[in-house]
Amino acid sequence: MNERKAFSVPGLPVVLGLIVIAIVAFVWLGDGLQRGAARPQGMGIVVLLVGALAFLAKGLFQVQPNQGQVMQLFGRYAGSVRDAGLRWTNPFYSRRAISLRVRNFESGKLKVNDNDGNPIEIAAVVVWQVIDTAEAVFQVDDYENFVRIQSESALRQMAQSYPYDAHDADKPSLRSHGDEVNAHLRDEIQTRLGKAGVEVIEARISHLAYAQEIAQAMLQRQQAGAIIAARTRIVEGAVSMVEMALAELGKRGVVDLDNERRAAMVSNLLVVLCGDRSTQPVVNTGSLYTG
């Protein structure tokens, strides 16, 4: 069932017409009473006319900006009205107002397992709006509750598709590939909400953390990984500096080192460059080959 436009006309001319008819009827009735010529038939006509005016006035309704009115005629869908302002339609129509404004909500913190099986806590903010009033009213029982439940279901499904933190830089993860993860989440939610006449404008992760029972262990693992990565960079830099130092010494002919002294120099330089603490220099006052 798709939305279609219902019959309606601007309400202000109808109001003016009803007012004119009511004034004419009451003037006619008052004139008849003054002349004593009012008859029961005339009174009955006036009563019927007033009842008809009240019935026609029932067809007046207001449509706010970014709002739709869903019309039903004896249980059947008759169409929707989105024209803002005072409108008039068939008085037999029953009406239901549906907001077309952009809305958002934040899901609760869900505890799920990521792609590696680690328990994590995750929450998301979803921005959405109704684009088809007929589907929102007739395809689901409560479209607002439907949006919340299906969004949380999609969030669980998405979280299970990625690891919290990938060891491979090329592999997407929840923590490092935010744009890709958010796009995946939006698509997952839109797939579920399309039948409810709802468009998902944006979906973003608002909370992401390891579950409390493994948070400390995962923090230690992250710290160890950071230390290893830092040490790797330090060693790479130190080796490059030692290589450059030996090359410059040989190029300039400052000193001629045999393999044993070269190995000792390399060892000393690596200790100085890679050590956690500052080293204490030892001055050699002997010859090159005597300590």
C-alpha atoms as a PDB file:
ATOM      1  CA  MET A   1       0.000   0.000   0.000  1.00  0.00           C
ATOM      2  CA  ASN A   2       1.551   3.249  -1.188  1.00  0.00           C
ATOM      3  CA  GLU A   3       0.632   6.803  -0.324  1.00  0.00           C
ATOM      4  CA  ARG A   4      -1.685   8.712  -2.654  1.00  0.00           C
ATOM      5  CA  LYS A   5      -3.225  12.165  -2.505  1.00  0.00           C
ATOM      6  CA  ALA A   6      -6.660  12.481  -0.920  1.00  0.00           C
ATOM      7  CA  PHE A   7      -9.417  14.909  -1.893  1.00  0.00           C
ATOM      8  CA  SER A   8      -9.231  18.236  -0.054  1.00  0.00           C
ATOM      9  CA  VAL A   9      -9.806  21.912  -0.784  1.00  0.00           C
ATOM     10  CA  PRO A  10      -8.654  25.104   0.944  1.00  0.00           C
ATOM     11  CA  GLY A  11     -10.643  25.519   4.141  1.00  0.00           C
ATOM     12  CA  LEU A  12     -10.962  29.296   4.362  1.00  0.00           C
ATOM     13  CA  PRO A  13     -13.474  29.685   1.488  1.00  0.00           C
ATOM     14  CA  VAL A  14     -15.517  26.859   2.976  1.00  0.00           C
ATOM     15  CA  VAL A  15     -15.553  28.572   6.381  1.00  0.00           C
ATOM     16  CA  LEU A  16     -16.693  31.832   4.824  1.00  0.00           C
ATOM     17  CA  GLY A  17     -19.426  30.038   2.887  1.00  0.00           C
ATOM     18  CA  LEU A  18     -20.685  28.253   5.997  1.00  0.00           C
ATOM     19  CA  ILE A  19     -20.737  31.519   7.928  1.00  0.00           C
ATOM     20  CA  VAL A  20     -22.738  33.257   5.181  1.00  0.00           C
ATOM     21  CA  ILE A  21     -25.258  30.431   5.014  1.00  0.00           C
ATOM     22  CA  ALA A  22     -25.644  30.425   8.807  1.00  0.00           C
ATOM     23  CA  ILE A  23     -26.179  34.217   8.882  1.00  0.00           C
ATOM     24  CA  VAL A  24     -28.794  34.034   6.137  1.00  0.00           C
ATOM     25  CA  ALA A  25     -30.622  31.227   7.922  1.00  0.00           C
ATOM     26  CA  PHE A  26     -30.725  33.033  11.258  1.00  0.00           C
ATOM     27  CA  VAL A  27     -31.747  36.330   9.639  1.00  0.00           C
ATOM     28  CA  TRP A  28     -34.568  34.578   7.834  1.00  0.00           C
ATOM     29  CA  LEU A  29     -35.653  32.885  11.045  1.00  0.00           C
ATOM     30  CA  GLY A  30     -35.467  36.128  13.038  1.00  0.00           C
ATOM     31  CA  ASP A  31     -37.443  38.000  10.431  1.00  0.00           C
ATOM     32  CA  GLY A  32     -40.136  35.351  10.487  1.00  0.00           C
ATOM     33  CA  LEU A  33     -40.336  35.465  14.294  1.00  0.00           C
ATOM     34  CA  GLN A  34     -40.707  39.262  14.294  1.00  0.00           C
ATOM     35  CA  ARG A  35     -43.586  39.094  11.848  1.00  0.00           C
ATOM     36  CA  GLY A  36     -45.123  36.154  13.667  1.00  0.00           C
ATOM     37  CA  ALA A  37     -45.081  34.211  10.451  1.00  0.00           C
ATOM     38  CA  ALA A  38     -42.674  31.495  11.483  1.00  0.00           C
ATOM     39  CA  ARG A  39     -44.214  28.089  11.013  1.00  0.00           C
ATOM     40  CA  PRO A  40     -43.164  24.697  12.373  1.00  0.00           C
ATOM     41  CA  GLN A  41     -42.053  23.731   8.881  1.00  0.00           C
ATOM     42  CA  GLY A  42     -39.775  26.764   8.751  1.00  0.00           C
ATOM     43  CA  MET A  43     -38.332  25.933  12.163  1.00  0.00           C
ATOM     44  CA  GLY A  44     -37.664  22.391  11.026  1.00  0.00           C
ATOM     45  CA  ILE A  45     -35.853  23.639   7.941  1.00  0.00           C
ATOM     46  CA  VAL A  46     -33.677  25.888  10.070  1.00  0.00           C
ATOM     47  CA  VAL A  47     -32.846  23.026  12.448  1.00  0.00           C
ATOM     48  CA  LEU A  48     -31.921  20.785   9.533  1.00  0.00           C
ATOM     49  CA  LEU A  49     -29.839  23.568   8.008  1.00  0.00           C
ATOM     50  CA  VAL A  50     -27.942  24.113  11.259  1.00  0.00           C
ATOM     51  CA  GLY A  51     -27.330  20.366  11.529  1.00  0.00           C
ATOM     52  CA  ALA A  52     -26.059  20.275   7.951  1.00  0.00           C
ATOM     53  CA  LEU A  53     -23.724  23.193   8.630  1.00  0.00           C
ATOM     54  CA  ALA A  54     -22.345  21.447  11.737  1.00  0.00           C
ATOM     55  CA  PHE A  55     -21.835  18.256   9.737  1.00  0.00           C
ATOM     56  CA  LEU A  56     -20.035  20.115   6.937  1.00  0.00           C
ATOM     57  CA  ALA A  57     -17.868  21.915   9.503  1.00  0.00           C
ATOM     58  CA  LYS A  58     -16.662  18.498  10.655  1.00  0.00           C
ATOM     59  CA  GLY A  59     -14.743  18.280   7.381  1.00  0.00           C
ATOM     60  CA  LEU A  60     -12.473  21.168   8.391  1.00  0.00           C
ATOM     61  CA  PHE A  61      -9.005  20.245   9.636  1.00  0.00           C
ATOM     62  CA  GLN A  62      -5.536  21.730   9.960  1.00  0.00           C
ATOM     63  CA  VAL A  63      -2.296  20.412   8.501  1.00  0.00           C
ATOM     64  CA  GLN A  64       0.881  21.649  10.141  1.00  0.00           C
ATOM     65  CA  PRO A  65       4.139  22.112   8.208  1.00  0.00           C
ATOM     66  CA  ASN A  66       5.928  18.794   7.692  1.00  0.00           C
ATOM     67  CA  GLN A  67       2.843  16.844   8.661  1.00  0.00           C
ATOM     68  CA  GLY A  68       0.573  14.463   6.807  1.00  0.00           C
ATOM     69  CA  GLN A  69      -3.069  13.587   7.442  1.00  0.00           C
ATOM     70  CA  VAL A  70      -4.056  10.011   6.615  1.00  0.00           C
ATOM     71  CA  MET A  71      -7.699   9.763   5.512  1.00  0.00           C
ATOM     72  CA  GLN A  72      -9.936   6.712   5.904  1.00  0.00           C
ATOM     73  CA  LEU A  73     -13.469   6.211   4.667  1.00  0.00           C
ATOM     74  CA  PHE A  74     -15.284   3.509   6.624  1.00  0.00           C
ATOM     75  CA  GLY A  75     -12.019   1.658   7.245  1.00  0.00           C
ATOM     76  CA  ARG A  76     -10.623   1.991   3.732  1.00  0.00           C
ATOM     77  CA  TYR A  77      -7.602   4.116   2.911  1.00  0.00           C
ATOM     78  CA  ALA A  78      -8.755   7.210   1.007  1.00  0.00           C
ATOM     79  CA  GLY A  79      -5.431   9.054   0.648  1.00  0.00           C
ATOM     80  CA  SER A  80      -3.193  11.507   2.475  1.00  0.00           C
ATOM     81  CA  VAL A  81      -3.031  15.291   2.617  1.00  0.00           C
ATOM     82  CA  ARG A  82       0.280  17.134   3.006  1.00  0.00           C
ATOM     83  CA  ASP A  83      -0.809  20.687   2.035  1.00  0.00           C
ATOM     84  CA  ALA A  84      -0.183  22.845   5.105  1.00  0.00           C
ATOM     85  CA  GLY A  85      -2.916  25.124   6.401  1.00  0.00           C
ATOM     86  CA  LEU A  86      -6.666  24.947   6.903  1.00  0.00           C
ATOM     87  CA  ARG A  87      -8.260  22.330   4.628  1.00  0.00           C
ATOM     88  CA  TRP A  88     -11.706  20.832   4.057  1.00  0.00           C
ATOM     89  CA  THR A  89     -12.522  17.319   2.939  1.00  0.00           C
ATOM     90  CA  ASN A  90     -15.298  14.767   3.043  1.00  0.00           C
ATOM     91  CA  PRO A  91     -16.826  14.935   6.556  1.00  0.00           C
ATOM     92  CA  PHE A  92     -17.134  11.154   6.565  1.00  0.00           C
ATOM     93  CA  TYR A  93     -13.344  10.811   6.464  1.00  0.00           C
ATOM     94  CA  SER A  94     -11.583   9.854   9.660  1.00  0.00           C
ATOM     95  CA  ARG A  95      -8.140  11.433   9.986  1.00  0.00           C
ATOM     96  CA  ARG A  96      -4.840  10.602  11.631  1.00  0.00           C
ATOM     97  CA  ALA A  97      -1.922  13.018  11.817  1.00  0.00           C
ATOM     98  CA  ILE A  98       1.550  11.666  10.979  1.00  0.00           C
ATOM     99  CA  SER A  99       4.680  13.744  11.564  1.00  0.00           C
ATOM    100  CA  LEU A 100       7.027  14.035   8.578  1.00  0.00           C
ATOM    101  CA  ARG A 101       9.714  15.843  10.576  1.00  0.00           C
ATOM    102  CA  VAL A 102      13.231  14.485  10.972  1.00  0.00           C
ATOM    103  CA  ARG A 103      13.552  12.575  14.232  1.00  0.00           C
ATOM    104  CA  ASN A 104      16.365  10.807  16.025  1.00  0.00           C
ATOM    105  CA  PHE A 105      16.903   8.510  18.955  1.00  0.00           C
ATOM    106  CA  GLU A 106      19.816   6.825  20.690  1.00  0.00           C
ATOM    107  CA  SER A 107      19.623   3.111  21.267  1.00  0.00           C
ATOM    108  CA  GLY A 108      20.465   1.590  24.605  1.00  0.00           C
ATOM    109  CA  LYS A 109      23.907   0.118  25.225  1.00  0.00           C
ATOM    110  CA  LEU A 110      23.772  -3.371  23.756  1.00  0.00           C
ATOM    111  CA  LYS A 111      26.102  -6.155  24.833  1.00  0.00           C
ATOM    112  CA  VAL A 112      27.060  -8.280  21.816  1.00  0.00           C
ATOM    113  CA  ASN A 113      29.973 -10.363  20.575  1.00  0.00           C
ATOM    114  CA  ASP A 114      32.125  -8.923  17.818  1.00  0.00           C
ATOM    115  CA  ASN A 115      33.472 -10.896  14.879  1.00  0.00           C
ATOM    116  CA  ASP A 116      36.274 -12.315  17.051  1.00  0.00           C
ATOM    117  CA  GLY A 117      33.856 -13.441  19.736  1.00  0.00           C
ATOM    118  CA  ASN A 118      34.835 -10.717  22.232  1.00  0.00           C
ATOM    119  CA  PRO A 119      31.957  -9.229  24.248  1.00  0.00           C
ATOM    120  CA  ILE A 120      31.566  -5.502  23.587  1.00  0.00           C
ATOM    121  CA  GLU A 121      29.161  -2.709  24.461  1.00  0.00           C
ATOM    122  CA  ILE A 122      27.776  -0.688  21.569  1.00  0.00           C
ATOM    123  CA  ALA A 123      25.123   1.976  21.010  1.00  0.00           C
ATOM    124  CA  ALA A 124      24.069   4.072  18.025  1.00  0.00           C
ATOM    125  CA  VAL A 125      22.217   7.266  17.101  1.00  0.00           C
ATOM    126  CA  VAL A 126      19.689   6.893  14.277  1.00  0.00           C
ATOM    127  CA  VAL A 127      18.242   9.860  12.357  1.00  0.00           C
ATOM    128  CA  TRP A 128      15.044   9.044  10.438  1.00  0.00           C
ATOM    129  CA  GLN A 129      11.792  10.396   9.045  1.00  0.00           C
ATOM    130  CA  VAL A 130       8.529   9.103   7.590  1.00  0.00           C
ATOM    131  CA  ILE A 131       8.364   9.407   3.803  1.00  0.00           C
ATOM    132  CA  ASP A 132       5.242   7.312   3.110  1.00  0.00           C
ATOM    133  CA  THR A 133       2.349   7.910   5.511  1.00  0.00           C
ATOM    134  CA  ALA A 134       0.262   5.026   4.196  1.00  0.00           C
ATOM    135  CA  GLU A 135       2.979   2.439   4.799  1.00  0.00           C
ATOM    136  CA  ALA A 136       3.785   3.900   8.223  1.00  0.00           C
ATOM    137  CA  VAL A 137       0.144   3.567   9.351  1.00  0.00           C
ATOM    138  CA  PHE A 138      -1.030   0.394   7.634  1.00  0.00           C
ATOM    139  CA  GLN A 139       2.053  -1.776   7.082  1.00  0.00           C
ATOM    140  CA  VAL A 140       3.152  -1.952  10.732  1.00  0.00           C
ATOM    141  CA  ASP A 141       1.255  -1.750  14.000  1.00  0.00           C
ATOM    142  CA  ASP A 142       3.335   0.995  15.686  1.00  0.00           C
ATOM    143  CA  TYR A 143       5.928   2.479  13.354  1.00  0.00           C
ATOM    144  CA  GLU A 144       7.831   4.349  16.092  1.00  0.00           C
ATOM    145  CA  ASN A 145       8.293   1.206  18.169  1.00  0.00           C
ATOM    146  CA  PHE A 146       9.086  -0.702  14.972  1.00  0.00           C
ATOM    147  CA  VAL A 147      11.899   1.751  14.179  1.00  0.00           C
ATOM    148  CA  ARG A 148      13.471   1.310  17.616  1.00  0.00           C
ATOM    149  CA  ILE A 149      13.343  -2.468  17.720  1.00  0.00           C
ATOM    150  CA  GLN A 150      14.547  -2.987  14.169  1.00  0.00           C
ATOM    151  CA  SER A 151      17.357  -0.445  14.593  1.00  0.00           C
ATOM    152  CA  GLU A 152      18.690  -2.316  17.625  1.00  0.00           C
ATOM    153  CA  SER A 153      18.408  -5.599  15.732  1.00  0.00           C
ATOM    154  CA  ALA A 154      20.380  -4.138  12.819  1.00  0.00           C
ATOM    155  CA  LEU A 155      22.984  -2.771  15.239  1.00  0.00           C
ATOM    156  CA  ARG A 156      23.509  -6.231  16.707  1.00  0.00           C
ATOM    157  CA  GLN A 157      23.843  -7.762  13.254  1.00  0.00           C
ATOM    158  CA  MET A 158      26.341  -5.120  12.127  1.00  0.00           C
ATOM    159  CA  ALA A 159      28.471  -5.414  15.280  1.00  0.00           C
ATOM    160  CA  GLN A 160      28.882  -9.152  14.719  1.00  0.00           C
ATOM    161  CA  SER A 161      30.299  -8.512  11.233  1.00  0.00           C
ATOM    162  CA  TYR A 162      33.425  -6.646  12.392  1.00  0.00           C
ATOM    163  CA  PRO A 163      36.099  -7.153  15.043  1.00  0.00           C
ATOM    164  CA  TYR A 164      36.461  -4.468  17.668  1.00  0.00           C
ATOM    165  CA  ASP A 165      40.083  -3.867  16.734  1.00  0.00           C
ATOM    166  CA  ALA A 166      41.774  -5.541  13.742  1.00  0.00           C
ATOM    167  CA  HIS A 167      45.420  -6.619  13.915  1.00  0.00           C
ATOM    168  CA  ASP A 168      45.664  -6.306  10.140  1.00  0.00           C
ATOM    169  CA  ALA A 169      45.618  -2.666   9.041  1.00  0.00           C
ATOM    170  CA  ASP A 170      43.763  -3.562   5.822  1.00  0.00           C
ATOM    171  CA  LYS A 171      40.956  -5.373   7.649  1.00  0.00           C
ATOM    172  CA  PRO A 172      38.045  -3.098   8.662  1.00  0.00           C
ATOM    173  CA  SER A 173      37.165  -2.907  12.342  1.00  0.00           C
ATOM    174  CA  LEU A 174      34.620  -1.105  14.502  1.00  0.00           C
ATOM    175  CA  ARG A 175      37.235   1.177  16.028  1.00  0.00           C
ATOM    176  CA  SER A 176      39.301   2.119  12.988  1.00  0.00           C
ATOM    177  CA  HIS A 177      36.865   2.209  10.028  1.00  0.00           C
ATOM    178  CA  GLY A 178      34.124   4.499  11.314  1.00  0.00           C
ATOM    179  CA  ASP A 179      32.749   5.689   7.961  1.00  0.00           C
ATOM    180  CA  GLU A 180      32.484   2.197   6.521  1.00  0.00           C
ATOM    181  CA  VAL A 181      30.890   0.821   9.684  1.00  0.00           C
ATOM    182  CA  ASN A 182      28.358   3.662   9.880  1.00  0.00           C
ATOM    183  CA  ALA A 183      27.406   3.203   6.220  1.00  0.00           C
ATOM    184  CA  HIS A 184      26.924  -0.528   6.809  1.00  0.00           C
ATOM    185  CA  LEU A 185      24.767   0.205   9.849  1.00  0.00           C
ATOM    186  CA  ARG A 186      22.606   2.662   7.913  1.00  0.00           C
ATOM    187  CA  ASP A 187      22.055   0.148   5.109  1.00  0.00           C
ATOM    188  CA  GLU A 188      21.160  -2.591   7.603  1.00  0.00           C
ATOM    189  CA  ILE A 189      18.561  -0.395   9.298  1.00  0.00           C
ATOM    190  CA  GLN A 190      17.122   0.903   6.008  1.00  0.00           C
ATOM    191  CA  THR A 191      16.634  -2.654   4.764  1.00  0.00           C
ATOM    192  CA  ARG A 192      14.468  -3.406   7.786  1.00  0.00           C
ATOM    193  CA  LEU A 193      12.535  -0.124   7.848  1.00  0.00           C
ATOM    194  CA  GLY A 194      11.763   0.230   4.133  1.00  0.00           C
ATOM    195  CA  LYS A 195       8.466  -1.627   4.532  1.00  0.00           C
ATOM    196  CA  ALA A 196       7.345   0.867   7.195  1.00  0.00           C
ATOM    197  CA  GLY A 197       7.628   3.923   4.931  1.00  0.00           C
ATOM    198  CA  VAL A 198      10.649   5.223   6.859  1.00  0.00           C
ATOM    199  CA  GLU A 199      13.884   6.638   5.458  1.00  0.00           C
ATOM    200  CA  VAL A 200      17.082   6.405   7.512  1.00  0.00           C
ATOM    201  CA  ILE A 201      19.019   9.633   7.000  1.00  0.00           C
ATOM    202  CA  GLU A 202      22.006   8.808   9.165  1.00  0.00           C
ATOM    203  CA  ALA A 203      23.172   6.163  11.614  1.00  0.00           C
ATOM    204  CA  ARG A 204      26.314   6.513  13.731  1.00  0.00           C
ATOM    205  CA  ILE A 205      27.905   4.593  16.578  1.00  0.00           C
ATOM    206  CA  SER A 206      27.692   6.695  19.739  1.00  0.00           C
ATOM    207  CA  HIS A 207      29.285   4.276  22.233  1.00  0.00           C
ATOM    208  CA  LEU A 208      31.844   1.531  21.712  1.00  0.00           C
ATOM    209  CA  ALA A 209      33.810  -0.285  24.411  1.00  0.00           C
ATOM    210  CA  TYR A 210      34.843  -3.729  25.538  1.00  0.00           C
ATOM    211  CA  ALA A 211      32.554  -5.363  28.084  1.00  0.00           C
ATOM    212  CA  GLN A 212      33.641  -4.858  31.685  1.00  0.00           C
ATOM    213  CA  GLU A 213      34.686  -8.467  32.244  1.00  0.00           C
ATOM    214  CA  ILE A 214      37.410  -8.302  29.572  1.00  0.00           C
ATOM    215  CA  ALA A 215      38.122  -4.574  29.479  1.00  0.00           C
ATOM    216  CA  GLN A 216      41.265  -4.804  31.648  1.00  0.00           C
ATOM    217  CA  ALA A 217      42.709  -7.749  29.698  1.00  0.00           C
ATOM    218  CA  MET A 218      42.056  -6.031  26.374  1.00  0.00           C
ATOM    219  CA  LEU A 219      43.638  -2.830  27.663  1.00  0.00           C
ATOM    220  CA  GLN A 220      46.790  -4.742  28.552  1.00  0.00           C
ATOM    221  CA  ARG A 221      46.815  -6.337  25.107  1.00  0.00           C
ATOM    222  CA  GLN A 222      46.467  -2.922  23.463  1.00  0.00           C
ATOM    223  CA  GLN A 223      49.282  -1.566  25.600  1.00  0.00           C
ATOM    224  CA  ALA A 224      51.489  -4.527  24.678  1.00  0.00           C
ATOM    225  CA  GLY A 225      50.716  -4.012  21.006  1.00  0.00           C
ATOM    226  CA  ALA A 226      51.586  -0.332  21.289  1.00  0.00           C
ATOM    227  CA  ILE A 227      54.887  -1.142  23.014  1.00  0.00           C
ATOM    228  CA  ILE A 228      55.802  -3.702  20.360  1.00  0.00           C
ATOM    229  CA  ALA A 229      54.970  -1.273  17.576  1.00  0.00           C
ATOM    230  CA  ALA A 230      57.060   1.451  19.231  1.00  0.00           C
ATOM    231  CA  ARG A 231      60.002  -0.900  19.773  1.00  0.00           C
ATOM    232  CA  THR A 232      59.844  -1.984  16.152  1.00  0.00           C
ATOM    233  CA  ARG A 233      60.110   1.606  14.993  1.00  0.00           C
ATOM    234  CA  ILE A 234      62.962   2.285  17.414  1.00  0.00           C
ATOM    235  CA  VAL A 235      64.962  -0.733  16.251  1.00  0.00           C
ATOM    236  CA  GLU A 236      64.416   0.140  12.603  1.00  0.00           C
ATOM    237  CA  GLY A 237      65.641   3.664  13.234  1.00  0.00           C
ATOM    238  CA  ALA A 238      68.605   2.498  15.311  1.00  0.00           C
ATOM    239  CA  VAL A 239      69.763   0.022  12.665  1.00  0.00           C
ATOM    240  CA  SER A 240      69.550   2.738  10.012  1.00  0.00           C
ATOM    241  CA  MET A 241      71.584   5.118  12.166  1.00  0.00           C
ATOM    242  CA  VAL A 242      74.271   2.501  12.886  1.00  0.00           C
ATOM    243  CA  GLU A 243      74.487   1.622   9.204  1.00  0.00           C
ATOM    244  CA  MET A 244      74.818   5.280   8.310  1.00  0.00           C
ATOM    245  CA  ALA A 245      77.497   5.846  10.985  1.00  0.00           C
ATOM    246  CA  LEU A 246      79.642   2.936   9.802  1.00  0.00           C
ATOM    247  CA  ALA A 247      79.266   4.017   6.192  1.00  0.00           C
ATOM    248  CA  GLU A 248      80.325   7.578   6.987  1.00  0.00           C
ATOM    249  CA  LEU A 249      83.321   6.425   9.062  1.00  0.00           C
ATOM    250  CA  GLY A 250      84.515   4.186   6.242  1.00  0.00           C
ATOM    251  CA  LYS A 251      83.865   6.814   3.599  1.00  0.00           C
ATOM    252  CA  ARG A 252      85.811   9.520   5.390  1.00  0.00           C
ATOM    253  CA  GLY A 253      88.599   7.213   6.552  1.00  0.00           C
ATOM    254  CA  VAL A 254      88.351   8.358  10.161  1.00  0.00           C
ATOM    255  CA  VAL A 255      89.168   4.939  11.574  1.00  0.00           C
ATOM    256  CA  ASP A 256      89.732   1.475  10.139  1.00  0.00           C
ATOM    257  CA  LEU A 257      87.828  -1.114  12.171  1.00  0.00           C
ATOM    258  CA  ASP A 258      88.199  -4.858  11.928  1.00  0.00           C
ATOM    259  CA  ASN A 259      85.184  -7.119  12.254  1.00  0.00           C
ATOM    260  CA  GLU A 260      85.555  -7.572  16.012  1.00  0.00           C
ATOM    261  CA  ARG A 261      85.736  -3.821  16.723  1.00  0.00           C
ATOM    262  CA  ARG A 262      82.967  -3.156  14.211  1.00  0.00           C
ATOM    263  CA  ALA A 263      80.733  -5.649  16.022  1.00  0.00           C
ATOM    264  CA  ALA A 264      81.537  -4.005  19.373  1.00  0.00           C
ATOM    265  CA  MET A 265      80.748  -0.569  17.987  1.00  0.00           C
ATOM    266  CA  VAL A 266      77.448  -1.793  16.550  1.00  0.00           C
ATOM    267  CA  SER A 267      76.547  -3.356  19.902  1.00  0.00           C
ATOM    268  CA  ASN A 268      77.356  -0.182  21.805  1.00  0.00           C
ATOM    269  CA  LEU A 269      75.401   2.034  19.412  1.00  0.00           C
ATOM    270  CA  LEU A 270      72.354  -0.222  19.575  1.00  0.00           C
ATOM    271  CA  VAL A 271      72.468  -0.196  23.375  1.00  0.00           C
ATOM    272  CA  VAL A 272      72.577   3.590  23.380  1.00  0.00           C
ATOM    273  CA  LEU A 273      69.844   4.039  20.790  1.00  0.00           C
ATOM    274  CA  CYS A 274      67.456   1.293  21.929  1.00  0.00           C
ATOM    275  CA  GLY A 275      67.872   1.428  25.677  1.00  0.00           C
ATOM    276  CA  ASP A 276      65.052   2.550  27.972  1.00  0.00           C
ATOM    277  CA  ARG A 277      67.409   4.535  30.171  1.00  0.00           C
ATOM    278  CA  SER A 278      70.216   6.925  29.428  1.00  0.00           C
ATOM    279  CA  THR A 279      73.617   5.194  29.208  1.00  0.00           C
ATOM    280  CA  GLN A 280      76.769   6.092  31.163  1.00  0.00           C
ATOM    281  CA  PRO A 281      79.775   6.619  28.873  1.00  0.00           C
ATOM    282  CA  VAL A 282      83.078   4.857  29.604  1.00  0.00           C
ATOM    283  CA  VAL A 283      86.227   6.648  28.406  1.00  0.00           C
ATOM    284  CA  ASN A 284      88.878   4.354  26.930  1.00  0.00           C
ATOM    285  CA  THR A 285      92.318   5.841  27.721  1.00  0.00           C
ATOM    286  CA  GLY A 286      94.316   3.029  26.221  1.00  0.00           C
ATOM    287  CA  SER A 287      95.110   2.262  22.660  1.00  0.00           C
ATOM    288  CA  LEU A 288      92.654   1.048  20.101  1.00  0.00           C
ATOM    289  CA  TYR A 289      93.269  -2.602  20.983  1.00  0.00           C
ATOM    290  CA  THR A 290      93.905  -2.287  24.750  1.00  0.00           C
ATOM    291  CA  GLY A 291      91.119  -1.559  27.177  1.00  0.00           C
END
